[in-house]
Amino acid sequence: MQKAEFNKKTVTEFDPTVNQANEYKMLGQKMMENDRFVIPKPMTMDELESMVVKYGICD
């Protein structure tokens, strides 16, 4: 991804054979096929803090 960014290209434009390009392709396909138009409800600050306590923070 960093090489693609350095070359001012998307991952798919830079190298469509890498795994990350395939993941983006599958994600796009799933988005296009989605027929469940659900709007997510944002978490409250208490819910977010609870998750941080439970799962920690990535450094």
Protein backbone atom coordinates (compact mmCIF):
# COMPACT_ATOMS: atom_id res chain seq x y z
CA MET A 1 0.00 0.00 0.00
CA GLN A 2 2.81 2.41 0.81
CA LYS A 3 4.37 1.88 -2.62
CA ALA A 4 1.01 2.58 -4.26
CA GLU A 5 0.57 5.75 -2.20
CA PHE A 6 4.11 6.87 -3.00
CA ASN A 7 3.30 6.47 -6.69
CA LYS A 8 -0.01 8.35 -6.25
CA LYS A 9 -2.05 5.31 -7.26
CA THR A 10 -4.60 3.08 -5.63
CA VAL A 11 -3.46 -0.40 -4.61
CA THR A 12 -5.50 -1.85 -7.48
CA GLU A 13 -3.98 0.54 -10.02
CA PHE A 14 -0.45 -0.08 -8.74
CA ASP A 15 -0.59 -3.88 -8.55
CA PRO A 16 -3.93 -5.61 -9.12
CA THR A 17 -2.37 -9.01 -8.28
CA VAL A 18 -1.65 -8.33 -4.57
CA ASN A 19 -3.95 -9.71 -1.90
CA GLN A 20 -5.01 -6.27 -0.68
CA ALA A 21 -6.26 -5.34 -4.17
CA ASN A 22 -8.38 -8.51 -4.18
CA GLU A 23 -9.76 -7.67 -0.73
CA TYR A 24 -10.82 -4.22 -1.97
CA LYS A 25 -12.41 -5.79 -5.04
CA MET A 26 -14.42 -8.23 -2.88
CA LEU A 27 -15.45 -5.41 -0.52
CA GLY A 28 -16.65 -3.32 -3.46
CA GLN A 29 -18.60 -6.27 -4.83
CA LYS A 30 -20.27 -6.84 -1.47
CA MET A 31 -21.18 -3.15 -1.25
CA MET A 32 -22.71 -3.21 -4.73
CA GLU A 33 -24.73 -6.34 -3.93
CA ASN A 34 -25.93 -5.03 -0.56
CA ASP A 35 -29.69 -4.76 -0.29
CA ARG A 36 -29.88 -4.13 3.45
CA PHE A 37 -29.71 -0.36 3.77
CA VAL A 38 -29.07 -0.10 7.49
CA ILE A 39 -27.80 3.11 9.03
CA PRO A 40 -25.57 2.23 11.98
CA LYS A 41 -26.25 3.83 15.36
CA PRO A 42 -23.16 5.57 16.77
CA MET A 43 -21.78 4.28 20.05
CA THR A 44 -22.11 6.33 23.19
CA MET A 45 -18.91 7.37 24.93
CA ASP A 46 -19.68 4.88 27.71
CA GLU A 47 -19.98 2.02 25.18
CA LEU A 48 -16.70 3.04 23.54
CA GLU A 49 -14.89 3.25 26.88
CA SER A 50 -16.28 -0.17 27.83
CA MET A 51 -14.83 -1.67 24.64
CA VAL A 52 -11.45 -0.07 25.31
CA VAL A 53 -11.42 -1.61 28.78
CA LYS A 54 -12.42 -5.00 27.39
CA TYR A 55 -10.18 -5.15 24.29
CA GLY A 56 -7.46 -2.56 25.00
CA ILE A 57 -5.84 -0.09 22.64
CA CYS A 58 -3.48 -0.98 19.79
CA ASP A 59 -0.19 0.90 20.08
